[in-house]
């Protein structure tokens, strides 16, 4: 069972022990807003550029950096605080951290997310994720792991081109390429060989995957929370409408929906592999045969957390209450469908790319934005998060504006 609330020395439960958020950028901001509205104090450990640093919904922000070494700094901070709090991972580094240090952290008195840590670590490895999916009968793209240069030739023959080189561990790849870049697309054997050589020199393990055909609005996700019996306590589906960069990027426009087929496939995957706790899995519908192909799985809060919170499914509050053995909503609780989450700058860049490939016109893009929107950072009741993040980026703004101007000139007179 989940951990119980900590006790005061003289008895009686602490009202609301703090939530300690590890990493996550805008993801942590959505988590903090949900918990703060429930009067939970929020301590955030992250990077100096994270918008939660300037949010009114956190009580404490600690700059622990990002990437290499962040796990050691988290552990040092938690050991010095020793005890009170519910630790919530908001990125893959944090998932790995909790999975590898569970006993030590529980010994210090922290309440941790419920999970089968072996399953969590497997889902952080793309090769193991696909192996688990295939073992339980969930379709995946064709893949081949690159362990030696001869694997490049084997991948070229068995998968063909174009194909994508995907890191086995996304958080290690992000240390070198940033969060927005998820794969390296290769058009021929020469590009594939160069990609393997570059990643090998960086110490980043990778696999080659076929590119599942179909438009970007065929990326669909299932969110659930599985108890110790494998029963889902919540369920929701949502769909990407666009992503940046197109084909292999981060979602820039999302919408909530309800798709029973996606929910069934996601639940079958999670129950088959024995996952517990918070879970998300993304599929893409294959244009060749209509099957849902598993793309990735993240057993944590994701970039769509603000969308789910606005739709009435606050994963942060649910998880916090579940871990403290407090009442949670029933599994069939309704949520708002047709609600959009828009990432304006990323979506504008995506629109340019879609336009250049002939997949989207300006009028269609503008029409899609009609109606109310939710944003991952911008909020009238929490303006400091956006203003602080913008102020932090101002020194680099001239170079960004120059790049956008070049792209705009390149599209002038082309139908926009």
Protein backbone atom coordinates (compact mmCIF):
# COMPACT_ATOMS: atom_id res chain seq x y z
CA UNK A 1 0.00 0.00 0.00
CA UNK A 2 1.09 3.63 -0.41
CA UNK A 3 2.88 5.30 2.47
CA UNK A 4 0.86 6.74 5.31
CA UNK A 5 1.02 10.37 6.38
CA UNK A 6 3.87 11.18 8.79
CA UNK A 7 2.95 11.66 12.46
CA UNK A 8 3.64 14.51 14.82
CA UNK A 9 5.87 13.59 17.80
CA UNK A 10 2.86 13.71 20.12
CA UNK A 11 0.54 11.89 17.75
CA UNK A 12 -1.86 13.23 15.10
CA UNK A 13 -1.14 13.39 11.40
CA UNK A 14 0.57 16.33 9.80
CA UNK A 15 -2.05 18.25 7.85
CA UNK A 16 -0.23 18.57 4.55
CA UNK A 17 3.39 17.46 4.39
CA UNK A 18 5.28 19.30 1.65
CA UNK A 19 5.48 17.95 -1.87
CA UNK A 20 9.08 17.85 -3.10
CA UNK A 21 9.25 18.10 -6.89
CA UNK A 22 12.35 16.81 -8.65
CA UNK A 23 13.15 18.37 -12.05
CA UNK A 24 10.63 18.76 -14.80
CA UNK A 25 10.59 22.38 -16.03
CA UNK A 26 7.01 23.30 -17.08
CA UNK A 27 5.86 19.86 -15.92
CA UNK A 28 6.78 20.73 -12.34
CA UNK A 29 4.90 24.02 -12.69
CA UNK A 30 1.64 22.22 -13.52
CA UNK A 31 2.17 19.83 -10.61
CA UNK A 32 2.86 22.73 -8.23
CA UNK A 33 -0.26 24.63 -9.29
CA UNK A 34 -2.48 21.64 -8.66
CA UNK A 35 -1.00 20.94 -5.24
CA UNK A 36 -0.93 24.58 -4.18
CA UNK A 37 -4.66 24.89 -4.86
CA UNK A 38 -5.09 22.02 -2.39
CA UNK A 39 -3.02 23.97 0.21
CA UNK A 40 0.00 21.69 -0.11
CA UNK A 41 3.37 23.44 0.38
CA UNK A 42 5.62 22.85 -2.63
CA UNK A 43 9.41 22.61 -2.62
CA UNK A 44 10.92 22.48 -6.12
CA UNK A 45 14.42 21.22 -6.93
CA UNK A 46 15.34 22.10 -10.50
CA UNK A 47 17.28 24.20 -12.97
CA UNK A 48 17.65 27.97 -12.65
CA UNK A 49 15.60 28.49 -15.84
CA UNK A 50 12.60 26.45 -14.71
CA UNK A 51 9.45 28.64 -14.66
CA UNK A 52 8.43 27.26 -11.29
CA UNK A 53 11.27 29.34 -9.85
CA UNK A 54 9.10 32.46 -10.30
CA UNK A 55 5.73 30.88 -9.55
CA UNK A 56 3.55 31.91 -6.62
CA UNK A 57 2.66 28.25 -6.17
CA UNK A 58 5.94 27.12 -4.67
CA UNK A 59 7.24 27.89 -1.20
CA UNK A 60 10.85 26.99 -1.93
CA UNK A 61 12.96 26.71 -5.06
CA UNK A 62 16.44 25.18 -5.01
CA UNK A 63 18.70 25.38 -8.05
CA UNK A 64 20.15 21.88 -8.28
CA UNK A 65 21.00 22.13 -11.96
CA UNK A 66 20.04 19.61 -14.60
CA UNK A 67 21.56 16.63 -16.37
CA UNK A 68 24.76 15.01 -15.13
CA UNK A 69 25.17 15.30 -11.38
CA UNK A 70 21.61 16.39 -10.61
CA UNK A 71 20.76 13.09 -8.92
CA UNK A 72 23.69 13.44 -6.53
CA UNK A 73 22.63 17.00 -5.68
CA UNK A 74 19.04 15.89 -5.05
CA UNK A 75 20.26 13.16 -2.71
CA UNK A 76 22.51 15.58 -0.84
CA UNK A 77 19.64 18.05 -0.33
CA UNK A 78 17.19 15.35 0.76
CA UNK A 79 19.69 13.85 3.20
CA UNK A 80 20.28 17.25 4.79
CA UNK A 81 16.51 17.87 5.12
CA UNK A 82 15.90 14.28 6.22
CA UNK A 83 12.34 13.40 6.59
CA UNK A 84 9.20 15.26 5.98
CA UNK A 85 7.74 15.29 2.49
CA UNK A 86 6.22 13.47 -0.47
CA UNK A 87 8.80 13.10 -3.27
CA UNK A 88 7.33 13.44 -6.78
CA UNK A 89 9.51 12.80 -9.86
CA UNK A 90 8.80 15.17 -12.76
CA UNK A 91 11.33 13.92 -15.34
CA UNK A 92 13.20 10.77 -16.29
CA UNK A 93 16.28 11.59 -14.21
CA UNK A 94 14.01 11.83 -11.18
CA UNK A 95 12.30 8.53 -12.00
CA UNK A 96 15.67 6.81 -12.14
CA UNK A 97 16.76 8.54 -8.95
CA UNK A 98 13.77 7.33 -6.93
CA UNK A 99 13.95 3.82 -8.37
CA UNK A 100 17.63 3.46 -7.43
CA UNK A 101 17.44 5.14 -4.00
CA UNK A 102 14.05 4.04 -2.71
CA UNK A 103 15.27 2.21 0.38
CA UNK A 104 17.60 5.02 1.38
CA UNK A 105 14.95 7.71 0.92
CA UNK A 106 12.28 5.74 2.76
CA UNK A 107 14.76 5.22 5.58
CA UNK A 108 15.07 8.99 5.82
CA UNK A 109 11.31 9.24 6.26
CA UNK A 110 10.16 10.41 2.83
CA UNK A 111 6.95 9.21 1.20
CA UNK A 112 7.70 7.99 -2.33
CA UNK A 113 5.62 7.25 -5.41
CA UNK A 114 4.30 3.70 -5.53
CA UNK A 115 5.93 1.71 -8.30
CA UNK A 116 7.62 -1.52 -9.29
CA UNK A 117 11.10 -0.04 -9.64
CA UNK A 118 12.33 -2.77 -12.00
CA UNK A 119 9.47 -1.97 -14.38
CA UNK A 120 10.18 1.77 -14.11
CA UNK A 121 13.85 1.24 -14.98
CA UNK A 122 12.85 -0.98 -17.90
CA UNK A 123 10.55 1.75 -19.26
CA UNK A 124 13.44 4.23 -19.12
CA UNK A 125 15.22 1.97 -21.63
CA UNK A 126 13.63 2.07 -25.10
CA UNK A 127 14.96 -1.37 -26.03
CA UNK A 128 13.45 -2.94 -22.91
CA UNK A 129 10.20 -1.00 -23.40
CA UNK A 130 9.73 -2.46 -26.87
CA UNK A 131 10.68 -5.94 -25.65
CA UNK A 132 8.08 -5.77 -22.88
CA UNK A 133 5.42 -4.52 -25.29
CA UNK A 134 6.04 -7.31 -27.79
CA UNK A 135 6.01 -9.90 -25.00
CA UNK A 136 2.46 -8.89 -24.03
CA UNK A 137 1.20 -8.61 -27.60
CA UNK A 138 1.29 -4.82 -28.02
CA UNK A 139 2.53 -3.80 -31.52
CA UNK A 140 5.68 -1.69 -31.83
CA UNK A 141 7.72 -0.29 -34.70
CA UNK A 142 10.49 -2.50 -36.06
CA UNK A 143 13.72 -1.69 -34.21
CA UNK A 144 17.35 -2.80 -34.02
CA UNK A 145 19.74 -1.77 -31.27
CA UNK A 146 23.10 -0.35 -32.37
CA UNK A 147 25.87 -2.00 -30.39
CA UNK A 148 28.61 -2.13 -33.04
CA UNK A 149 29.27 -0.71 -36.49
CA UNK A 150 28.09 -3.91 -38.15
CA UNK A 151 24.64 -3.26 -36.68
CA UNK A 152 24.41 -0.21 -38.94
CA UNK A 153 24.48 -2.40 -42.03
CA UNK A 154 21.99 -4.83 -40.50
CA UNK A 155 19.61 -1.96 -39.68
CA UNK A 156 19.92 -0.52 -43.19
CA UNK A 157 18.94 -3.89 -44.63
CA UNK A 158 16.16 -4.89 -42.20
CA UNK A 159 14.53 -1.49 -41.55
CA UNK A 160 15.37 0.59 -44.59
CA UNK A 161 15.21 4.35 -45.15
CA UNK A 162 14.23 6.86 -44.04
CA UNK A 163 14.56 5.65 -40.48
CA UNK A 164 15.18 7.22 -37.09
CA UNK A 165 17.93 6.78 -34.53
CA UNK A 166 16.38 6.93 -31.08
CA UNK A 167 18.32 7.00 -27.76
CA UNK A 168 17.80 4.08 -25.40
CA UNK A 169 17.69 6.56 -22.51
CA UNK A 170 16.01 9.85 -23.44
CA UNK A 171 17.36 11.83 -20.46
CA UNK A 172 20.96 11.00 -21.41
CA UNK A 173 20.31 12.06 -25.02
CA UNK A 174 18.77 15.35 -23.78
CA UNK A 175 22.01 16.27 -22.02
CA UNK A 176 23.62 16.68 -25.45
CA UNK A 177 20.74 17.63 -27.76
CA UNK A 178 18.18 19.32 -25.51
CA UNK A 179 14.63 18.27 -24.70
CA UNK A 180 13.06 19.26 -28.03
CA UNK A 181 15.13 16.86 -30.13
CA UNK A 182 14.03 13.27 -29.61
CA UNK A 183 15.59 11.38 -32.54
CA UNK A 184 18.06 11.69 -35.40
CA UNK A 185 16.37 11.13 -38.76
CA UNK A 186 18.55 9.41 -41.37
CA UNK A 187 17.91 9.17 -45.10
CA UNK A 188 20.65 6.74 -46.15
CA UNK A 189 23.37 4.43 -44.88
CA UNK A 190 25.94 7.22 -44.74
CA UNK A 191 23.79 9.37 -42.45
CA UNK A 192 22.99 6.35 -40.29
CA UNK A 193 26.66 5.52 -39.94
CA UNK A 194 27.53 9.10 -38.99
CA UNK A 195 24.72 9.21 -36.44
CA UNK A 196 25.96 5.99 -34.83
CA UNK A 197 29.55 7.29 -34.73
CA UNK A 198 28.52 10.62 -33.18
CA UNK A 199 26.38 9.00 -30.50
CA UNK A 200 29.02 6.38 -29.75
CA UNK A 201 31.57 9.15 -29.14
CA UNK A 202 29.13 10.82 -26.75
CA UNK A 203 28.50 7.54 -24.94
CA UNK A 204 24.79 7.56 -25.86
CA UNK A 205 23.33 4.11 -26.62
CA UNK A 206 20.71 4.07 -29.37
CA UNK A 207 18.50 1.95 -31.57
CA UNK A 208 17.22 2.30 -35.12
CA UNK A 209 13.46 2.39 -35.56
CA UNK A 210 11.21 2.45 -38.56
CA UNK A 211 9.16 5.60 -39.06
CA UNK A 212 5.51 4.76 -38.52
CA UNK A 213 3.61 6.40 -41.39
CA UNK A 214 0.71 8.76 -40.76
CA UNK A 215 0.14 12.41 -39.81
CA UNK A 216 1.14 13.84 -36.44
CA UNK A 217 -2.47 14.06 -35.26
CA UNK A 218 -2.43 10.27 -35.01
CA UNK A 219 -0.25 10.32 -31.89
CA UNK A 220 -2.55 9.31 -29.01
CA UNK A 221 -1.93 8.72 -25.31
CA UNK A 222 -3.50 6.89 -22.39
CA UNK A 223 -3.10 8.04 -18.78
CA UNK A 224 -3.88 5.80 -15.85
CA UNK A 225 -3.02 5.03 -12.25
CA UNK A 226 -2.77 1.34 -11.35
CA UNK A 227 -3.14 0.02 -7.82
CA UNK A 228 -1.38 -3.01 -6.33
CA UNK A 229 -3.92 -5.34 -8.00
CA UNK A 230 -3.35 -3.80 -11.44
CA UNK A 231 -6.76 -2.10 -11.46
CA UNK A 232 -6.87 1.39 -12.91
CA UNK A 233 -8.01 4.12 -10.51
CA UNK A 234 -8.18 6.82 -13.19
CA UNK A 235 -8.17 6.83 -16.98
CA UNK A 236 -8.01 9.49 -19.66
CA UNK A 237 -6.96 9.71 -23.30
CA UNK A 238 -5.67 12.68 -25.26
CA UNK A 239 -4.32 13.33 -28.75
CA UNK A 240 -1.57 15.43 -30.24
CA UNK A 241 -2.65 17.73 -33.03
CA UNK A 242 0.81 19.09 -33.84
CA UNK A 243 4.37 18.75 -32.58
CA UNK A 244 7.65 20.60 -32.99
CA UNK A 245 9.63 19.58 -34.88
CA UNK A 246 7.09 17.62 -36.97
CA UNK A 247 7.24 13.81 -37.05
CA UNK A 248 9.64 13.49 -34.11
CA UNK A 249 9.18 16.28 -31.59
CA UNK A 250 7.46 17.60 -28.49
CA UNK A 251 3.71 18.18 -28.66
CA UNK A 252 2.86 21.82 -29.38
CA UNK A 253 -0.94 21.43 -29.56
CA UNK A 254 -2.93 18.78 -27.65
CA UNK A 255 -6.60 17.98 -27.10
CA UNK A 256 -8.38 15.80 -24.55
CA UNK A 257 -10.73 13.13 -25.87
CA UNK A 258 -11.99 9.68 -24.94
CA UNK A 259 -10.86 6.80 -27.13
CA UNK A 260 -11.80 3.37 -25.74
CA UNK A 261 -9.43 1.59 -28.14
CA UNK A 262 -6.47 3.63 -26.90
CA UNK A 263 -7.50 3.09 -23.27
CA UNK A 264 -7.81 -0.67 -23.80
CA UNK A 265 -4.39 -0.89 -25.47
CA UNK A 266 -2.74 1.22 -22.78
CA UNK A 267 -4.27 -0.71 -19.91
CA UNK A 268 -3.41 -4.05 -21.54
CA UNK A 269 0.21 -2.92 -21.83
CA UNK A 270 0.49 -1.73 -18.22
CA UNK A 271 -1.27 -4.73 -16.72
CA UNK A 272 0.78 -7.09 -18.87
CA UNK A 273 4.13 -5.68 -17.72
CA UNK A 274 3.07 -5.35 -14.07
CA UNK A 275 3.31 -1.58 -13.76
CA UNK A 276 2.02 0.17 -10.63
CA UNK A 277 1.23 3.78 -9.92
CA UNK A 278 1.10 6.69 -12.35
CA UNK A 279 1.42 5.73 -16.00
CA UNK A 280 1.29 7.21 -19.49
CA UNK A 281 1.82 5.48 -22.82
CA UNK A 282 1.88 7.02 -26.30
CA UNK A 283 0.86 5.23 -29.48
CA UNK A 284 0.76 6.21 -33.13
CA UNK A 285 -1.90 4.84 -35.45
CA UNK A 286 -0.17 3.18 -38.40
CA UNK A 287 -1.52 4.52 -41.70
CA UNK A 288 -0.77 1.16 -43.36
CA UNK A 289 -3.15 -0.99 -41.33
CA UNK A 290 -4.72 1.21 -38.63
CA UNK A 291 -2.99 -0.54 -35.73
CA UNK A 292 -1.86 1.37 -32.66
CA UNK A 293 1.94 1.15 -32.48
CA UNK A 294 3.57 1.81 -29.10
CA UNK A 295 5.99 4.75 -29.30
CA UNK A 296 7.03 5.38 -25.68
CA UNK A 297 5.89 5.11 -22.09
CA UNK A 298 6.45 7.56 -19.21
CA UNK A 299 5.41 6.39 -15.72
CA UNK A 300 5.34 9.99 -14.39
CA UNK A 301 3.80 13.41 -14.90
CA UNK A 302 4.21 14.62 -18.48
CA UNK A 303 4.14 17.81 -20.56
CA UNK A 304 0.34 17.52 -20.80
CA UNK A 305 -0.14 17.71 -17.01
CA UNK A 306 -1.55 21.25 -17.21
CA UNK A 307 -4.08 20.11 -19.82
CA UNK A 308 -5.21 17.18 -17.69
CA UNK A 309 -5.47 19.41 -14.62
CA UNK A 310 -7.63 21.90 -16.51
CA UNK A 311 -9.80 19.07 -17.80
CA UNK A 312 -10.61 18.02 -14.24
CA UNK A 313 -8.10 15.19 -13.75
CA UNK A 314 -5.42 16.63 -11.48
CA UNK A 315 -2.80 13.89 -11.44
CA UNK A 316 -0.69 15.71 -8.86
CA UNK A 317 -3.49 15.98 -6.29
CA UNK A 318 -4.60 12.42 -7.03
CA UNK A 319 -1.09 11.02 -6.57
CA UNK A 320 -0.40 13.04 -3.43
CA UNK A 321 -3.64 11.94 -1.77
CA UNK A 322 -3.19 8.33 -2.85
CA UNK A 323 0.31 8.21 -1.36
CA UNK A 324 -0.99 9.58 1.94
CA UNK A 325 -3.89 7.09 1.98
CA UNK A 326 -6.44 9.87 1.62
CA UNK A 327 -9.70 9.65 -0.36
CA UNK A 328 -9.39 9.91 -4.16
CA UNK A 329 -12.08 10.34 -6.84
CA UNK A 330 -13.77 7.19 -8.20
CA UNK A 331 -12.30 5.59 -11.37
CA UNK A 332 -15.21 6.71 -13.55
CA UNK A 333 -14.91 10.41 -12.66
CA UNK A 334 -15.74 12.55 -15.71
CA UNK A 335 -13.31 14.99 -17.27
CA UNK A 336 -13.68 17.70 -19.89
CA UNK A 337 -13.14 16.54 -23.46
CA UNK A 338 -12.21 18.81 -26.37
CA UNK A 339 -9.96 21.00 -24.21
CA UNK A 340 -6.75 22.24 -25.86
CA UNK A 341 -3.23 22.88 -24.60
CA UNK A 342 -1.24 25.27 -26.81
CA UNK A 343 2.51 25.98 -26.72
CA UNK A 344 2.51 29.19 -28.84
CA UNK A 345 6.19 29.64 -29.82
CA UNK A 346 6.76 25.94 -30.49
CA UNK A 347 3.49 25.66 -32.41
CA UNK A 348 4.35 28.68 -34.59
CA UNK A 349 7.64 27.01 -35.52
CA UNK A 350 5.80 23.75 -36.16
CA UNK A 351 3.28 25.57 -38.38
CA UNK A 352 6.11 26.93 -40.52
CA UNK A 353 7.52 23.44 -40.97
CA UNK A 354 4.10 21.94 -41.76
CA UNK A 355 3.50 24.74 -44.25
CA UNK A 356 6.82 24.11 -45.99
CA UNK A 357 5.97 20.44 -46.37
CA UNK A 358 2.51 21.26 -47.71
CA UNK A 359 0.67 19.83 -44.70
CA UNK A 360 -0.83 23.05 -43.28
CA UNK A 361 -1.95 26.48 -44.46
CA UNK A 362 -2.04 29.64 -42.38
CA UNK A 363 -5.84 29.83 -42.43
CA UNK A 364 -6.17 26.24 -41.24
CA UNK A 365 -3.68 26.90 -38.44
CA UNK A 366 -5.53 30.01 -37.29
CA UNK A 367 -8.90 28.23 -37.45
CA UNK A 368 -7.55 25.45 -35.26
CA UNK A 369 -6.75 28.01 -32.55
CA UNK A 370 -10.27 29.37 -32.28
CA UNK A 371 -11.77 29.08 -28.81
CA UNK A 372 -10.26 29.07 -25.32
CA UNK A 373 -6.76 27.68 -24.83
CA UNK A 374 -4.72 26.43 -21.91
CA UNK A 375 -1.00 27.09 -21.77
CA UNK A 376 1.78 25.13 -20.04
CA UNK A 377 3.29 28.26 -18.43
CA UNK A 378 1.15 31.39 -19.03
CA UNK A 379 -1.59 31.97 -16.45
CA UNK A 380 -3.40 35.12 -15.31
CA UNK A 381 -3.43 33.91 -11.72
CA UNK A 382 0.30 33.07 -11.81
CA UNK A 383 1.92 35.67 -14.12
CA UNK A 384 5.29 35.55 -12.41
CA UNK A 385 6.15 32.15 -13.90
CA UNK A 386 5.96 33.40 -17.48
CA UNK A 387 7.45 36.85 -16.80
CA UNK A 388 10.35 35.37 -14.88
CA UNK A 389 11.08 32.79 -17.57
CA UNK A 390 11.00 35.48 -20.26
CA UNK A 391 13.29 37.73 -18.25
CA UNK A 392 15.74 34.89 -17.79
CA UNK A 393 15.87 34.35 -21.57
CA UNK A 394 16.13 38.04 -22.58
CA UNK A 395 19.93 38.06 -22.97
CA UNK A 396 19.57 35.39 -25.70
CA UNK A 397 16.53 36.96 -27.36
CA UNK A 398 18.31 38.88 -30.19
CA UNK A 399 19.77 35.70 -31.70
CA UNK A 400 16.39 33.95 -31.50
CA UNK A 401 14.61 36.86 -33.19
CA UNK A 402 17.22 36.88 -35.93
CA UNK A 403 16.64 33.19 -36.57
CA UNK A 404 12.86 33.64 -36.76
CA UNK A 405 13.28 36.55 -39.16
CA UNK A 406 15.38 34.42 -41.48
CA UNK A 407 12.70 31.72 -41.50
CA UNK A 408 9.97 34.28 -42.17
CA UNK A 409 11.89 35.71 -45.13
CA UNK A 410 12.33 32.21 -46.52
CA UNK A 411 8.55 31.69 -46.59
CA UNK A 412 7.64 35.14 -48.00
CA UNK A 413 5.53 34.88 -51.13
CA UNK A 414 4.93 31.16 -50.75
CA UNK A 415 1.22 31.13 -49.96
CA UNK A 416 1.11 32.34 -46.35
